[in-house]
Protein backbone atom coordinates (compact mmCIF):
# COMPACT_ATOMS: atom_id res chain seq x y z
CA MET A 1 9.35 -28.13 -26.78
CA ARG A 2 5.94 -26.53 -27.37
CA TRP A 3 4.58 -27.91 -24.13
CA LEU A 4 7.51 -26.38 -22.22
CA LEU A 5 6.85 -22.98 -23.82
CA TRP A 6 3.15 -23.33 -23.02
CA LEU A 7 3.91 -24.29 -19.41
CA VAL A 8 6.24 -21.31 -18.88
CA SER A 9 3.71 -18.95 -20.50
CA ALA A 10 0.90 -20.27 -18.32
CA ALA A 11 3.01 -19.86 -15.18
CA LEU A 12 3.87 -16.26 -16.08
CA ILE A 13 0.28 -15.36 -16.88
CA SER A 14 -1.04 -16.88 -13.66
CA SER A 15 1.57 -15.04 -11.60
CA CYS A 16 0.39 -11.75 -13.11
CA SER A 17 -3.25 -12.31 -12.13
CA LEU A 18 -5.07 -9.70 -10.12
CA GLU A 19 -3.98 -9.53 -6.52
CA ALA A 20 -6.52 -10.47 -3.88
CA ARG A 21 -8.04 -7.46 -2.18
CA THR A 22 -8.73 -7.51 1.51
CA GLU A 23 -11.23 -5.53 3.56
CA PHE A 24 -9.53 -2.74 5.52
CA ASP A 25 -9.21 -3.35 9.23
CA ALA A 26 -7.28 -0.82 11.32
CA ALA A 27 -6.06 -3.39 13.86
CA ARG A 28 -4.81 -5.77 11.14
CA TRP A 29 -3.21 -2.82 9.30
CA GLN A 30 -1.29 -1.74 12.37
CA LYS A 31 -0.12 -5.29 13.16
CA ALA A 32 0.60 -6.29 9.53
CA ASP A 33 3.79 -8.14 8.67
CA LEU A 34 5.59 -5.58 6.50
CA SER A 35 7.45 -8.31 4.61
CA THR A 36 4.09 -9.31 3.07
CA ARG A 37 1.51 -7.39 1.00
CA GLN A 38 -1.18 -7.41 3.72
CA ARG A 39 -1.38 -3.62 3.78
CA ALA A 40 -1.19 -3.24 0.00
CA GLN A 41 -4.17 -5.57 -0.34
CA MET A 42 -6.18 -3.38 2.07
CA VAL A 43 -5.42 -0.04 0.36
CA PRO A 44 -8.35 -0.03 -2.13
CA ASP A 45 -10.86 -0.66 0.67
CA LEU A 46 -9.08 1.80 3.00
CA LEU A 47 -9.40 4.59 0.43
CA LYS A 48 -13.01 3.64 -0.31
CA GLN A 49 -14.01 3.72 3.38
CA HIS A 50 -11.80 6.63 4.46
CA PRO A 51 -11.08 9.29 1.84
CA LEU A 52 -7.85 10.66 3.28
CA VAL A 53 -7.99 14.14 1.75
CA GLY A 54 -9.43 16.48 4.36
CA MET A 55 -8.58 14.27 7.33
CA LYS A 56 -6.42 15.68 10.11
CA SER A 57 -3.04 14.14 10.83
CA VAL A 58 -4.23 12.91 14.22
CA GLU A 59 -7.18 11.14 12.55
CA VAL A 60 -4.87 9.41 10.07
CA ARG A 61 -2.53 8.34 12.87
CA ALA A 62 -5.47 7.03 14.91
CA LEU A 63 -6.62 5.01 11.90
CA LEU A 64 -3.27 3.78 10.53
CA GLY A 65 -0.99 3.99 13.55
CA PRO A 66 2.39 5.71 13.61
CA PRO A 67 3.90 6.35 10.18
CA THR A 68 6.86 4.34 8.96
CA GLY A 69 8.68 7.56 8.09
CA ASN A 70 8.49 11.09 6.79
CA GLU A 71 10.35 13.46 4.51
CA ARG A 72 10.09 17.05 3.44
CA GLU A 73 7.44 16.58 0.75
CA TRP A 74 5.46 13.73 2.35
CA GLN A 75 4.87 14.12 6.07
CA LEU A 76 3.27 10.70 6.69
CA ILE A 77 4.73 7.63 5.01
CA TYR A 78 3.41 4.09 5.44
CA VAL A 79 5.16 1.04 3.99
CA LEU A 80 2.70 -1.26 2.24
CA GLY A 81 5.10 -4.16 1.77
CA PRO A 82 7.05 -5.48 -1.20
CA ASP A 83 5.98 -4.09 -4.57
CA GLY A 84 3.62 -6.26 -6.57
CA SER A 85 6.09 -7.22 -9.30
CA LEU A 86 7.03 -10.79 -10.19
CA PHE A 87 10.41 -10.42 -8.46
CA PRO A 88 9.92 -7.67 -5.84
CA ILE A 89 13.07 -5.88 -4.76
CA ASP A 90 11.48 -2.59 -3.70
CA ASN A 91 8.68 -1.62 -1.37
CA GLU A 92 5.39 0.04 -2.12
CA TRP A 93 4.43 3.10 -0.04
CA LEU A 94 1.43 5.22 0.92
CA LEU A 95 2.70 8.80 0.93
CA ILE A 96 0.58 11.52 2.54
CA ARG A 97 1.06 15.29 2.24
CA LEU A 98 -0.21 17.67 4.92
CA ASP A 99 -0.82 21.40 4.78
CA ASP A 100 0.23 23.91 7.46
CA ARG A 101 -2.91 23.02 9.47
CA ASN A 102 -1.92 19.30 9.48
CA VAL A 103 -4.77 18.38 7.13
CA VAL A 104 -4.24 15.86 4.32
CA THR A 105 -4.12 17.58 0.94
CA LYS A 106 -2.79 14.73 -1.22
CA TYR A 107 -1.75 11.11 -1.11
CA VAL A 108 -0.16 8.68 -3.57
CA VAL A 109 0.69 5.00 -3.61
CA ARG A 110 4.16 4.56 -5.05
CA SER A 111 6.91 1.98 -5.41
CA ASP A 112 10.56 2.82 -4.76
């Protein structure tokens, strides 16, 4: 019985390990399979290479392609793929807010 408990514990711990990070590449981002976490893995490098705050909307669109959606509060929305939980049922999103000059003032990464 102990070995079964150990085996289950080891499986859970290994599934919670840090997710692989991938270097940002605009072409791969735009062609990413949205049913995977390809984009989510690129986000840390994206934000390191391209601080979004202060960029114009057209610059963001040139870099990331057309947004997946928009809403009143967040004008540019990009799906990053399934959330990083053990049993993902929601998506993770990059939400970008623009001011009246179409310049990025804020962004967040959020799950549904």
